[in-house]
PDB file of N, CA and C in Angstrom:
ATOM      1  N   UNK A   1       8.527 -63.275  11.636  1.00  0.00           N
ATOM      2  CA  UNK A   1       9.291 -62.356  10.928  1.00  0.00           C
ATOM      3  C   UNK A   1       8.340 -61.704   9.858  1.00  0.00           C
ATOM      4  N   UNK A   2       8.608 -60.458   9.693  1.00  0.00           N
ATOM      5  CA  UNK A   2       7.805 -59.830   8.562  1.00  0.00           C
ATOM      6  C   UNK A   2       8.672 -59.940   7.221  1.00  0.00           C
ATOM      7  N   UNK A   3       7.917 -59.983   6.105  1.00  0.00           N
ATOM      8  CA  UNK A   3       8.556 -60.224   4.726  1.00  0.00           C
ATOM      9  C   UNK A   3       8.752 -58.833   4.164  1.00  0.00           C
ATOM     10  N   UNK A   4       8.473 -57.828   4.875  1.00  0.00           N
ATOM     11  CA  UNK A   4       8.725 -56.431   4.172  1.00  0.00           C
ATOM     12  C   UNK A   4      10.147 -56.101   4.157  1.00  0.00           C
ATOM     13  N   UNK A   5      10.747 -55.660   3.104  1.00  0.00           N
ATOM     14  CA  UNK A   5      12.145 -55.355   3.094  1.00  0.00           C
ATOM     15  C   UNK A   5      12.518 -54.169   3.921  1.00  0.00           C
ATOM     16  N   UNK A   6      13.543 -54.199   4.663  1.00  0.00           N
ATOM     17  CA  UNK A   6      13.890 -53.002   5.528  1.00  0.00           C
ATOM     18  C   UNK A   6      14.692 -52.155   4.723  1.00  0.00           C
ATOM     19  N   UNK A   7      14.455 -50.915   5.096  1.00  0.00           N
ATOM     20  CA  UNK A   7      15.313 -49.918   4.506  1.00  0.00           C
ATOM     21  C   UNK A   7      16.752 -49.735   5.076  1.00  0.00           C
ATOM     22  N   UNK A   8      17.513 -49.458   4.316  1.00  0.00           N
ATOM     23  CA  UNK A   8      18.887 -49.239   4.856  1.00  0.00           C
ATOM     24  C   UNK A   8      18.985 -47.860   5.441  1.00  0.00           C
ATOM     25  N   UNK A   9      19.862 -47.565   6.231  1.00  0.00           N
ATOM     26  CA  UNK A   9      20.120 -46.370   6.959  1.00  0.00           C
ATOM     27  C   UNK A   9      20.561 -45.262   5.912  1.00  0.00           C
ATOM     28  N   UNK A  10      21.443 -45.768   5.000  1.00  0.00           N
ATOM     29  CA  UNK A  10      21.711 -44.879   3.853  1.00  0.00           C
ATOM     30  C   UNK A  10      20.680 -44.339   2.940  1.00  0.00           C
ATOM     31  N   UNK A  11      19.647 -45.180   2.790  1.00  0.00           N
ATOM     32  CA  UNK A  11      18.510 -44.832   1.934  1.00  0.00           C
ATOM     33  C   UNK A  11      17.599 -43.957   2.694  1.00  0.00           C
ATOM     34  N   UNK A  12      17.504 -44.115   3.948  1.00  0.00           N
ATOM     35  CA  UNK A  12      16.626 -43.199   4.931  1.00  0.00           C
ATOM     36  C   UNK A  12      17.291 -41.843   4.873  1.00  0.00           C
ATOM     37  N   UNK A  13      18.635 -41.595   4.882  1.00  0.00           N
ATOM     38  CA  UNK A  13      19.357 -40.415   4.826  1.00  0.00           C
ATOM     39  C   UNK A  13      19.094 -39.744   3.548  1.00  0.00           C
ATOM     40  N   UNK A  14      19.027 -40.566   2.459  1.00  0.00           N
ATOM     41  CA  UNK A  14      19.033 -39.991   1.183  1.00  0.00           C
ATOM     42  C   UNK A  14      17.619 -39.398   0.928  1.00  0.00           C
ATOM     43  N   UNK A  15      16.534 -40.094   1.396  1.00  0.00           N
ATOM     44  CA  UNK A  15      15.168 -39.544   1.196  1.00  0.00           C
ATOM     45  C   UNK A  15      14.962 -38.395   2.050  1.00  0.00           C
ATOM     46  N   UNK A  16      15.695 -38.201   3.268  1.00  0.00           N
ATOM     47  CA  UNK A  16      15.559 -37.095   4.079  1.00  0.00           C
ATOM     48  C   UNK A  16      16.213 -35.950   3.399  1.00  0.00           C
ATOM     49  N   UNK A  17      17.325 -36.084   2.948  1.00  0.00           N
ATOM     50  CA  UNK A  17      18.035 -35.029   2.309  1.00  0.00           C
ATOM     51  C   UNK A  17      17.444 -34.547   0.998  1.00  0.00           C
ATOM     52  N   UNK A  18      16.746 -35.473   0.224  1.00  0.00           N
ATOM     53  CA  UNK A  18      16.041 -35.081  -0.982  1.00  0.00           C
ATOM     54  C   UNK A  18      14.850 -34.211  -0.543  1.00  0.00           C
ATOM     55  N   UNK A  19      14.179 -34.618   0.537  1.00  0.00           N
ATOM     56  CA  UNK A  19      13.085 -33.993   0.862  1.00  0.00           C
ATOM     57  C   UNK A  19      13.425 -32.509   1.351  1.00  0.00           C
ATOM     58  N   UNK A  20      14.570 -32.366   2.036  1.00  0.00           N
ATOM     59  CA  UNK A  20      14.891 -31.047   2.455  1.00  0.00           C
ATOM     60  C   UNK A  20      15.367 -30.175   1.250  1.00  0.00           C
ATOM     61  N   UNK A  21      15.986 -30.781   0.351  1.00  0.00           N
ATOM     62  CA  UNK A  21      16.488 -30.012  -0.846  1.00  0.00           C
ATOM     63  C   UNK A  21      15.333 -29.601  -1.791  1.00  0.00           C
ATOM     64  N   UNK A  22      14.250 -30.511  -1.765  1.00  0.00           N
ATOM     65  CA  UNK A  22      13.005 -30.177  -2.528  1.00  0.00           C
ATOM     66  C   UNK A  22      12.335 -29.009  -1.824  1.00  0.00           C
ATOM     67  N   UNK A  23      12.281 -28.971  -0.510  1.00  0.00           N
ATOM     68  CA  UNK A  23      11.661 -27.818   0.100  1.00  0.00           C
ATOM     69  C   UNK A  23      12.392 -26.599  -0.111  1.00  0.00           C
ATOM     70  N   UNK A  24      13.820 -26.679  -0.002  1.00  0.00           N
ATOM     71  CA  UNK A  24      14.595 -25.405  -0.309  1.00  0.00           C
ATOM     72  C   UNK A  24      14.414 -24.941  -1.768  1.00  0.00           C
ATOM     73  N   UNK A  25      14.237 -25.751  -2.697  1.00  0.00           N
ATOM     74  CA  UNK A  25      13.973 -25.326  -4.067  1.00  0.00           C
ATOM     75  C   UNK A  25      12.586 -24.687  -4.199  1.00  0.00           C
ATOM     76  N   UNK A  26      11.606 -25.173  -3.493  1.00  0.00           N
ATOM     77  CA  UNK A  26      10.289 -24.546  -3.531  1.00  0.00           C
ATOM     78  C   UNK A  26      10.312 -23.270  -2.797  1.00  0.00           C
ATOM     79  N   UNK A  27      11.074 -23.117  -1.810  1.00  0.00           N
ATOM     80  CA  UNK A  27      11.283 -21.775  -1.110  1.00  0.00           C
ATOM     81  C   UNK A  27      11.876 -20.814  -2.056  1.00  0.00           C
ATOM     82  N   UNK A  28      12.933 -21.244  -2.726  1.00  0.00           N
ATOM     83  CA  UNK A  28      13.599 -20.304  -3.607  1.00  0.00           C
ATOM     84  C   UNK A  28      12.836 -19.846  -4.730  1.00  0.00           C
ATOM     85  N   UNK A  29      12.005 -20.823  -5.394  1.00  0.00           N
ATOM     86  CA  UNK A  29      11.050 -20.527  -6.413  1.00  0.00           C
ATOM     87  C   UNK A  29       9.933 -19.564  -5.984  1.00  0.00           C
ATOM     88  N   UNK A  30       9.387 -19.707  -4.749  1.00  0.00           N
ATOM     89  CA  UNK A  30       8.487 -18.776  -4.017  1.00  0.00           C
ATOM     90  C   UNK A  30       9.094 -17.524  -3.979  1.00  0.00           C
ATOM     91  N   UNK A  31      10.320 -17.305  -3.507  1.00  0.00           N
ATOM     92  CA  UNK A  31      10.875 -15.940  -3.451  1.00  0.00           C
ATOM     93  C   UNK A  31      11.012 -15.404  -4.766  1.00  0.00           C
ATOM     94  N   UNK A  32      11.374 -16.053  -5.914  1.00  0.00           N
ATOM     95  CA  UNK A  32      11.638 -15.515  -7.210  1.00  0.00           C
ATOM     96  C   UNK A  32      10.200 -15.034  -7.695  1.00  0.00           C
ATOM     97  N   UNK A  33       9.210 -15.807  -7.383  1.00  0.00           N
ATOM     98  CA  UNK A  33       7.892 -15.379  -7.985  1.00  0.00           C
ATOM     99  C   UNK A  33       7.446 -14.090  -7.130  1.00  0.00           C
ATOM    100  N   UNK A  34       7.698 -14.024  -5.962  1.00  0.00           N
ATOM    101  CA  UNK A  34       7.364 -12.860  -5.150  1.00  0.00           C
ATOM    102  C   UNK A  34       7.974 -11.571  -5.765  1.00  0.00           C
ATOM    103  N   UNK A  35       9.302 -11.699  -6.008  1.00  0.00           N
ATOM    104  CA  UNK A  35       9.990 -10.596  -6.673  1.00  0.00           C
ATOM    105  C   UNK A  35       9.485 -10.206  -8.054  1.00  0.00           C
ATOM    106  N   UNK A  36       9.214 -11.221  -8.904  1.00  0.00           N
ATOM    107  CA  UNK A  36       8.688 -10.905 -10.232  1.00  0.00           C
ATOM    108  C   UNK A  36       7.325 -10.311 -10.086  1.00  0.00           C
ATOM    109  N   UNK A  37       6.412 -10.677  -9.100  1.00  0.00           N
ATOM    110  CA  UNK A  37       5.153 -10.097  -9.012  1.00  0.00           C
ATOM    111  C   UNK A  37       5.349  -8.657  -8.467  1.00  0.00           C
ATOM    112  N   UNK A  38       6.302  -8.372  -7.636  1.00  0.00           N
ATOM    113  CA  UNK A  38       6.535  -7.002  -7.154  1.00  0.00           C
ATOM    114  C   UNK A  38       6.946  -6.102  -8.254  1.00  0.00           C
ATOM    115  N   UNK A  39       7.899  -6.596  -9.048  1.00  0.00           N
ATOM    116  CA  UNK A  39       8.292  -5.819 -10.288  1.00  0.00           C
ATOM    117  C   UNK A  39       7.129  -5.630 -11.306  1.00  0.00           C
ATOM    118  N   UNK A  40       6.390  -6.520 -11.472  1.00  0.00           N
ATOM    119  CA  UNK A  40       5.293  -6.371 -12.392  1.00  0.00           C
ATOM    120  C   UNK A  40       4.293  -5.325 -11.815  1.00  0.00           C
ATOM    121  N   UNK A  41       3.913  -5.364 -10.468  1.00  0.00           N
ATOM    122  CA  UNK A  41       3.072  -4.400  -9.887  1.00  0.00           C
ATOM    123  C   UNK A  41       3.635  -3.001 -10.087  1.00  0.00           C
ATOM    124  N   UNK A  42       4.937  -2.896  -9.930  1.00  0.00           N
ATOM    125  CA  UNK A  42       5.599  -1.573  -9.958  1.00  0.00           C
ATOM    126  C   UNK A  42       5.617  -1.001 -11.433  1.00  0.00           C
ATOM    127  N   UNK A  43       5.787  -1.963 -12.365  1.00  0.00           N
ATOM    128  CA  UNK A  43       5.800  -1.401 -13.722  1.00  0.00           C
ATOM    129  C   UNK A  43       4.355  -1.209 -14.256  1.00  0.00           C
ATOM    130  N   UNK A  44       3.397  -1.778 -13.817  1.00  0.00           N
ATOM    131  CA  UNK A  44       2.034  -1.453 -14.115  1.00  0.00           C
ATOM    132  C   UNK A  44       1.294  -0.519 -13.246  1.00  0.00           C
ATOM    133  N   UNK A  45       2.066   0.162 -12.314  1.00  0.00           N
ATOM    134  CA  UNK A  45       1.465   1.137 -11.366  1.00  0.00           C
ATOM    135  C   UNK A  45       0.782   2.205 -12.227  1.00  0.00           C
ATOM    136  N   UNK A  46       1.339   2.773 -13.172  1.00  0.00           N
ATOM    137  CA  UNK A  46       0.555   3.876 -13.838  1.00  0.00           C
ATOM    138  C   UNK A  46      -0.717   3.528 -14.547  1.00  0.00           C
ATOM    139  N   UNK A  47      -0.895   2.213 -14.758  1.00  0.00           N
ATOM    140  CA  UNK A  47      -2.235   1.791 -15.241  1.00  0.00           C
ATOM    141  C   UNK A  47      -3.167   1.519 -14.249  1.00  0.00           C
ATOM    142  N   UNK A  48      -2.903   0.803 -13.186  1.00  0.00           N
ATOM    143  CA  UNK A  48      -3.872   0.454 -12.268  1.00  0.00           C
ATOM    144  C   UNK A  48      -4.113   1.422 -11.093  1.00  0.00           C
ATOM    145  N   UNK A  49      -3.241   2.170 -10.800  1.00  0.00           N
ATOM    146  CA  UNK A  49      -3.253   3.220  -9.665  1.00  0.00           C
ATOM    147  C   UNK A  49      -4.444   4.208  -9.918  1.00  0.00           C
ATOM    148  N   UNK A  50      -4.723   4.834 -11.034  1.00  0.00           N
ATOM    149  CA  UNK A  50      -5.794   5.712 -11.106  1.00  0.00           C
ATOM    150  C   UNK A  50      -7.180   4.990 -10.861  1.00  0.00           C
ATOM    151  N   UNK A  51      -7.306   3.705 -11.232  1.00  0.00           N
ATOM    152  CA  UNK A  51      -8.557   2.934 -11.107  1.00  0.00           C
ATOM    153  C   UNK A  51      -8.703   2.771  -9.608  1.00  0.00           C
ATOM    154  N   UNK A  52      -7.663   2.373  -9.008  1.00  0.00           N
ATOM    155  CA  UNK A  52      -7.764   2.124  -7.557  1.00  0.00           C
ATOM    156  C   UNK A  52      -8.053   3.323  -6.698  1.00  0.00           C
ATOM    157  N   UNK A  53      -7.435   4.574  -7.027  1.00  0.00           N
ATOM    158  CA  UNK A  53      -7.726   5.749  -6.390  1.00  0.00           C
ATOM    159  C   UNK A  53      -9.202   6.159  -6.673  1.00  0.00           C
ATOM    160  N   UNK A  54      -9.550   6.065  -7.820  1.00  0.00           N
ATOM    161  CA  UNK A  54     -10.966   6.392  -8.258  1.00  0.00           C
ATOM    162  C   UNK A  54     -12.041   5.602  -7.332  1.00  0.00           C
ATOM    163  N   UNK A  55     -11.731   4.234  -7.291  1.00  0.00           N
ATOM    164  CA  UNK A  55     -12.689   3.449  -6.542  1.00  0.00           C
ATOM    165  C   UNK A  55     -12.683   3.773  -4.979  1.00  0.00           C
ATOM    166  N   UNK A  56     -11.521   4.141  -4.555  1.00  0.00           N
ATOM    167  CA  UNK A  56     -11.457   4.529  -3.037  1.00  0.00           C
ATOM    168  C   UNK A  56     -12.167   5.828  -2.831  1.00  0.00           C
ATOM    169  N   UNK A  57     -11.980   6.885  -3.763  1.00  0.00           N
ATOM    170  CA  UNK A  57     -12.726   8.097  -3.546  1.00  0.00           C
ATOM    171  C   UNK A  57     -14.243   7.956  -3.732  1.00  0.00           C
ATOM    172  N   UNK A  58     -14.667   7.099  -4.628  1.00  0.00           N
ATOM    173  CA  UNK A  58     -15.993   6.925  -4.786  1.00  0.00           C
ATOM    174  C   UNK A  58     -16.598   6.201  -3.529  1.00  0.00           C
ATOM    175  N   UNK A  59     -15.931   5.385  -3.029  1.00  0.00           N
ATOM    176  CA  UNK A  59     -16.295   4.575  -1.760  1.00  0.00           C
ATOM    177  C   UNK A  59     -16.441   5.589  -0.639  1.00  0.00           C
ATOM    178  N   UNK A  60     -15.411   6.529  -0.491  1.00  0.00           N
ATOM    179  CA  UNK A  60     -15.456   7.496   0.617  1.00  0.00           C
ATOM    180  C   UNK A  60     -16.586   8.487   0.433  1.00  0.00           C
ATOM    181  N   UNK A  61     -16.973   8.867  -0.828  1.00  0.00           N
ATOM    182  CA  UNK A  61     -18.087   9.850  -1.039  1.00  0.00           C
ATOM    183  C   UNK A  61     -19.292   9.132  -0.744  1.00  0.00           C
ATOM    184  N   UNK A  62     -19.565   7.779  -1.118  1.00  0.00           N
ATOM    185  CA  UNK A  62     -20.624   7.031  -0.719  1.00  0.00           C
ATOM    186  C   UNK A  62     -20.741   6.897   0.895  1.00  0.00           C
ATOM    187  N   UNK A  63     -19.606   6.736   1.606  1.00  0.00           N
ATOM    188  CA  UNK A  63     -19.804   6.548   2.985  1.00  0.00           C
ATOM    189  C   UNK A  63     -20.140   7.820   3.566  1.00  0.00           C
ATOM    190  N   UNK A  64     -19.626   9.010   3.019  1.00  0.00           N
ATOM    191  CA  UNK A  64     -20.007  10.352   3.591  1.00  0.00           C
ATOM    192  C   UNK A  64     -21.436  10.637   3.588  1.00  0.00           C
ATOM    193  N   UNK A  65     -22.048  10.364   2.249  1.00  0.00           N
ATOM    194  CA  UNK A  65     -23.479  10.601   2.128  1.00  0.00           C
ATOM    195  C   UNK A  65     -24.146   9.689   2.916  1.00  0.00           C
ATOM    196  N   UNK A  66     -23.838   8.466   3.067  1.00  0.00           N
ATOM    197  CA  UNK A  66     -24.649   7.509   3.959  1.00  0.00           C
ATOM    198  C   UNK A  66     -24.576   8.121   5.458  1.00  0.00           C
ATOM    199  N   UNK A  67     -23.463   8.481   5.852  1.00  0.00           N
ATOM    200  CA  UNK A  67     -23.275   8.868   7.318  1.00  0.00           C
ATOM    201  C   UNK A  67     -24.065  10.147   7.523  1.00  0.00           C
ATOM    202  N   UNK A  68     -24.085  11.153   6.683  1.00  0.00           N
ATOM    203  CA  UNK A  68     -24.904  12.441   6.829  1.00  0.00           C
ATOM    204  C   UNK A  68     -26.275  12.140   6.763  1.00  0.00           C
ATOM    205  N   UNK A  69     -26.769  11.338   5.819  1.00  0.00           N
ATOM    206  CA  UNK A  69     -28.142  10.937   5.848  1.00  0.00           C
ATOM    207  C   UNK A  69     -28.703  10.215   7.098  1.00  0.00           C
ATOM    208  N   UNK A  70     -27.840   9.427   7.615  1.00  0.00           N
ATOM    209  CA  UNK A  70     -28.186   8.592   8.822  1.00  0.00           C
ATOM    210  C   UNK A  70     -28.334   9.500   9.990  1.00  0.00           C
ATOM    211  N   UNK A  71     -27.522  10.597  10.184  1.00  0.00           N
ATOM    212  CA  UNK A  71     -27.586  11.409  11.463  1.00  0.00           C
ATOM    213  C   UNK A  71     -28.376  12.781  11.088  1.00  0.00           C
ATOM    214  N   UNK A  72     -29.037  12.786  10.076  1.00  0.00           N
ATOM    215  CA  UNK A  72     -29.704  14.041   9.673  1.00  0.00           C
ATOM    216  C   UNK A  72     -30.808  14.375  10.722  1.00  0.00           C
ATOM    217  N   UNK A  73     -30.697  15.551  11.409  1.00  0.00           N
ATOM    218  CA  UNK A  73     -31.719  16.009  12.317  1.00  0.00           C
ATOM    219  C   UNK A  73     -31.409  15.453  13.630  1.00  0.00           C
ATOM    220  N   UNK A  74     -30.333  14.749  13.942  1.00  0.00           N
ATOM    221  CA  UNK A  74     -30.078  14.187  15.265  1.00  0.00           C
ATOM    222  C   UNK A  74     -28.896  14.920  15.979  1.00  0.00           C
ATOM    223  N   UNK A  75     -28.674  14.942  17.098  1.00  0.00           N
ATOM    224  CA  UNK A  75     -27.528  15.397  17.896  1.00  0.00           C
ATOM    225  C   UNK A  75     -26.455  14.332  17.653  1.00  0.00           C
ATOM    226  N   UNK A  76     -25.228  14.690  17.249  1.00  0.00           N
ATOM    227  CA  UNK A  76     -24.205  13.674  17.027  1.00  0.00           C
ATOM    228  C   UNK A  76     -23.502  13.309  18.360  1.00  0.00           C
ATOM    229  N   UNK A  77     -23.366  11.960  18.468  1.00  0.00           N
ATOM    230  CA  UNK A  77     -22.755  11.427  19.547  1.00  0.00           C
ATOM    231  C   UNK A  77     -21.687  10.381  19.105  1.00  0.00           C
ATOM    232  N   UNK A  78     -20.947   9.827  20.022  1.00  0.00           N
ATOM    233  CA  UNK A  78     -19.833   8.996  19.661  1.00  0.00           C
ATOM    234  C   UNK A  78     -20.630   7.542  19.339  1.00  0.00           C
ATOM    235  N   UNK A  79     -21.802   7.279  20.058  1.00  0.00           N
ATOM    236  CA  UNK A  79     -22.465   6.062  19.663  1.00  0.00           C
ATOM    237  C   UNK A  79     -23.018   5.946  18.230  1.00  0.00           C
ATOM    238  N   UNK A  80     -23.237   7.032  17.658  1.00  0.00           N
ATOM    239  CA  UNK A  80     -23.785   7.113  16.322  1.00  0.00           C
ATOM    240  C   UNK A  80     -22.773   6.470  15.315  1.00  0.00           C
ATOM    241  N   UNK A  81     -21.447   6.700  15.482  1.00  0.00           N
ATOM    242  CA  UNK A  81     -20.505   6.144  14.604  1.00  0.00           C
ATOM    243  C   UNK A  81     -20.529   4.642  14.651  1.00  0.00           C
ATOM    244  N   UNK A  82     -20.823   3.972  15.762  1.00  0.00           N
ATOM    245  CA  UNK A  82     -20.900   2.539  15.711  1.00  0.00           C
ATOM    246  C   UNK A  82     -22.272   2.061  15.220  1.00  0.00           C
ATOM    247  N   UNK A  83     -23.346   2.876  15.340  1.00  0.00           N
ATOM    248  CA  UNK A  83     -24.552   2.524  14.732  1.00  0.00           C
ATOM    249  C   UNK A  83     -24.500   2.598  13.221  1.00  0.00           C
ATOM    250  N   UNK A  84     -23.818   3.666  12.781  1.00  0.00           N
ATOM    251  CA  UNK A  84     -23.541   3.836  11.343  1.00  0.00           C
ATOM    252  C   UNK A  84     -22.748   2.722  10.674  1.00  0.00           C
ATOM    253  N   UNK A  85     -21.749   2.339  11.422  1.00  0.00           N
ATOM    254  CA  UNK A  85     -20.866   1.257  11.017  1.00  0.00           C
ATOM    255  C   UNK A  85     -21.641  -0.059  10.946  1.00  0.00           C
ATOM    256  N   UNK A  86     -22.524  -0.324  11.893  1.00  0.00           N
ATOM    257  CA  UNK A  86     -23.219  -1.632  11.900  1.00  0.00           C
ATOM    258  C   UNK A  86     -24.235  -1.548  10.739  1.00  0.00           C
ATOM    259  N   UNK A  87     -24.741  -0.456  10.395  1.00  0.00           N
ATOM    260  CA  UNK A  87     -25.835  -0.359   9.343  1.00  0.00           C
ATOM    261  C   UNK A  87     -25.001  -0.641   8.089  1.00  0.00           C
ATOM    262  N   UNK A  88     -23.910   0.008   7.993  1.00  0.00           N
ATOM    263  CA  UNK A  88     -23.137  -0.100   6.711  1.00  0.00           C
ATOM    264  C   UNK A  88     -22.742  -1.502   6.469  1.00  0.00           C
ATOM    265  N   UNK A  89     -22.429  -2.283   7.534  1.00  0.00           N
ATOM    266  CA  UNK A  89     -22.050  -3.727   7.349  1.00  0.00           C
ATOM    267  C   UNK A  89     -23.308  -4.500   6.886  1.00  0.00           C
ATOM    268  N   UNK A  90     -24.439  -4.042   7.547  1.00  0.00           N
ATOM    269  CA  UNK A  90     -25.722  -4.740   7.005  1.00  0.00           C
ATOM    270  C   UNK A  90     -25.987  -4.608   5.506  1.00  0.00           C
ATOM    271  N   UNK A  91     -25.732  -3.446   5.038  1.00  0.00           N
ATOM    272  CA  UNK A  91     -25.893  -3.117   3.675  1.00  0.00           C
ATOM    273  C   UNK A  91     -24.916  -3.615   2.636  1.00  0.00           C
ATOM    274  N   UNK A  92     -23.673  -4.064   3.184  1.00  0.00           N
ATOM    275  CA  UNK A  92     -22.657  -4.477   2.387  1.00  0.00           C
ATOM    276  C   UNK A  92     -22.146  -5.852   2.911  1.00  0.00           C
ATOM    277  N   UNK A  93     -22.898  -6.967   2.899  1.00  0.00           N
ATOM    278  CA  UNK A  93     -22.625  -8.164   3.550  1.00  0.00           C
ATOM    279  C   UNK A  93     -21.393  -8.952   2.849  1.00  0.00           C
ATOM    280  N   UNK A  94     -21.325  -8.579   1.332  1.00  0.00           N
ATOM    281  CA  UNK A  94     -20.189  -9.280   0.651  1.00  0.00           C
ATOM    282  C   UNK A  94     -18.814  -8.826   1.065  1.00  0.00           C
ATOM    283  N   UNK A  95     -18.837  -7.609   1.690  1.00  0.00           N
ATOM    284  CA  UNK A  95     -17.429  -7.165   2.110  1.00  0.00           C
ATOM    285  C   UNK A  95     -17.144  -7.504   3.522  1.00  0.00           C
ATOM    286  N   UNK A  96     -18.265  -7.712   4.344  1.00  0.00           N
ATOM    287  CA  UNK A  96     -18.027  -8.043   5.820  1.00  0.00           C
ATOM    288  C   UNK A  96     -18.840  -9.308   6.144  1.00  0.00           C
ATOM    289  N   UNK A  97     -18.109 -10.381   5.860  1.00  0.00           N
ATOM    290  CA  UNK A  97     -18.759 -11.643   5.876  1.00  0.00           C
ATOM    291  C   UNK A  97     -19.124 -12.021   7.275  1.00  0.00           C
ATOM    292  N   UNK A  98     -18.340 -11.522   8.336  1.00  0.00           N
ATOM    293  CA  UNK A  98     -18.782 -11.931   9.669  1.00  0.00           C
ATOM    294  C   UNK A  98     -19.704 -10.990  10.346  1.00  0.00           C
ATOM    295  N   UNK A  99     -20.265 -10.040   9.575  1.00  0.00           N
ATOM    296  CA  UNK A  99     -21.195  -9.193  10.132  1.00  0.00           C
ATOM    297  C   UNK A  99     -20.677  -8.259  11.273  1.00  0.00           C
ATOM    298  N   UNK A 100     -21.366  -8.185  12.323  1.00  0.00           N
ATOM    299  CA  UNK A 100     -20.943  -7.316  13.411  1.00  0.00           C
ATOM    300  C   UNK A 100     -19.678  -7.719  14.180  1.00  0.00           C
ATOM    301  N   UNK A 101     -19.298  -8.988  13.832  1.00  0.00           N
ATOM    302  CA  UNK A 101     -18.082  -9.656  14.528  1.00  0.00           C
ATOM    303  C   UNK A 101     -16.952  -9.521  13.629  1.00  0.00           C
ATOM    304  N   UNK A 102     -16.992  -8.879  12.485  1.00  0.00           N
ATOM    305  CA  UNK A 102     -15.989  -8.685  11.607  1.00  0.00           C
ATOM    306  C   UNK A 102     -14.792  -7.905  12.116  1.00  0.00           C
ATOM    307  N   UNK A 103     -13.507  -8.259  11.971  1.00  0.00           N
ATOM    308  CA  UNK A 103     -12.419  -7.513  12.471  1.00  0.00           C
ATOM    309  C   UNK A 103     -12.182  -6.142  11.898  1.00  0.00           C
ATOM    310  N   UNK A 104     -12.872  -5.870  10.757  1.00  0.00           N
ATOM    311  CA  UNK A 104     -12.734  -4.528  10.221  1.00  0.00           C
ATOM    312  C   UNK A 104     -13.608  -3.407  10.888  1.00  0.00           C
ATOM    313  N   UNK A 105     -14.517  -3.945  11.821  1.00  0.00           N
ATOM    314  CA  UNK A 105     -15.452  -3.073  12.424  1.00  0.00           C
ATOM    315  C   UNK A 105     -14.835  -1.843  13.018  1.00  0.00           C
ATOM    316  N   UNK A 106     -13.854  -2.021  13.945  1.00  0.00           N
ATOM    317  CA  UNK A 106     -13.261  -0.861  14.601  1.00  0.00           C
ATOM    318  C   UNK A 106     -12.769   0.168  13.613  1.00  0.00           C
ATOM    319  N   UNK A 107     -12.034  -0.192  12.534  1.00  0.00           N
ATOM    320  CA  UNK A 107     -11.537   0.679  11.575  1.00  0.00           C
ATOM    321  C   UNK A 107     -12.704   1.420  10.888  1.00  0.00           C
ATOM    322  N   UNK A 108     -13.756   0.664  10.616  1.00  0.00           N
ATOM    323  CA  UNK A 108     -14.826   1.285   9.984  1.00  0.00           C
ATOM    324  C   UNK A 108     -15.514   2.290  10.876  1.00  0.00           C
ATOM    325  N   UNK A 109     -15.657   2.016  12.183  1.00  0.00           N
ATOM    326  CA  UNK A 109     -16.170   3.033  13.136  1.00  0.00           C
ATOM    327  C   UNK A 109     -15.350   4.359  13.151  1.00  0.00           C
ATOM    328  N   UNK A 110     -14.047   4.129  13.309  1.00  0.00           N
ATOM    329  CA  UNK A 110     -13.100   5.205  13.241  1.00  0.00           C
ATOM    330  C   UNK A 110     -13.359   6.193  11.901  1.00  0.00           C
ATOM    331  N   UNK A 111     -13.422   5.494  10.801  1.00  0.00           N
ATOM    332  CA  UNK A 111     -13.688   6.140   9.672  1.00  0.00           C
ATOM    333  C   UNK A 111     -14.920   6.997   9.688  1.00  0.00           C
ATOM    334  N   UNK A 112     -16.069   6.340  10.193  1.00  0.00           N
ATOM    335  CA  UNK A 112     -17.368   7.091  10.259  1.00  0.00           C
ATOM    336  C   UNK A 112     -17.232   8.213  11.243  1.00  0.00           C
ATOM    337  N   UNK A 113     -16.549   7.925  12.362  1.00  0.00           N
ATOM    338  CA  UNK A 113     -16.334   8.986  13.329  1.00  0.00           C
ATOM    339  C   UNK A 113     -15.686  10.258  12.787  1.00  0.00           C
ATOM    340  N   UNK A 114     -14.619   9.902  11.932  1.00  0.00           N
ATOM    341  CA  UNK A 114     -13.976  11.069  11.214  1.00  0.00           C
ATOM    342  C   UNK A 114     -14.863  11.923  10.302  1.00  0.00           C
ATOM    343  N   UNK A 115     -15.610  10.986   9.451  1.00  0.00           N
ATOM    344  CA  UNK A 115     -16.690  11.634   8.627  1.00  0.00           C
ATOM    345  C   UNK A 115     -17.555  12.561   9.246  1.00  0.00           C
ATOM    346  N   UNK A 116     -18.068  11.944  10.523  1.00  0.00           N
ATOM    347  CA  UNK A 116     -19.047  12.823  11.232  1.00  0.00           C
ATOM    348  C   UNK A 116     -18.464  14.107  11.743  1.00  0.00           C
ATOM    349  N   UNK A 117     -17.291  13.943  12.150  1.00  0.00           N
ATOM    350  CA  UNK A 117     -16.638  15.228  12.770  1.00  0.00           C
ATOM    351  C   UNK A 117     -16.281  16.265  11.705  1.00  0.00           C
ATOM    352  N   UNK A 118     -15.925  15.739  10.438  1.00  0.00           N
ATOM    353  CA  UNK A 118     -15.694  16.625   9.339  1.00  0.00           C
ATOM    354  C   UNK A 118     -16.973  17.323   8.708  1.00  0.00           C
ATOM    355  N   UNK A 119     -18.027  16.470   8.738  1.00  0.00           N
ATOM    356  CA  UNK A 119     -19.153  17.021   8.011  1.00  0.00           C
ATOM    357  C   UNK A 119     -20.271  17.603   8.910  1.00  0.00           C
ATOM    358  N   UNK A 120     -20.196  17.522  10.324  1.00  0.00           N
ATOM    359  CA  UNK A 120     -21.150  18.056  11.110  1.00  0.00           C
ATOM    360  C   UNK A 120     -20.627  19.057  12.072  1.00  0.00           C
TER     361      UNK A 120
END
């Protein structure tokens, strides 16, 4: 026989219910934190939105100049958007960690394709 004390059925039920109530409390707290974060972002929108928009516009301008310099003097084709996107990824490895296998690559190709259509 083992000398370990056996747990009663009632104590096993109590620990299971305590575990579930603790999980429910963590979920409720997580929901409250999400709501507070959403309210905070909404209240601070006038402060951070201009910086966000400025950063996005600067990046778009940089992408447009990069694409036009890449295809200067060449006949534009659909393959060039992919080549430009791969070259962009090589120049910005901190944003695209997986390189040419990054899941952001198709969106980046579409962006460069739109830039090329607009500028050439």
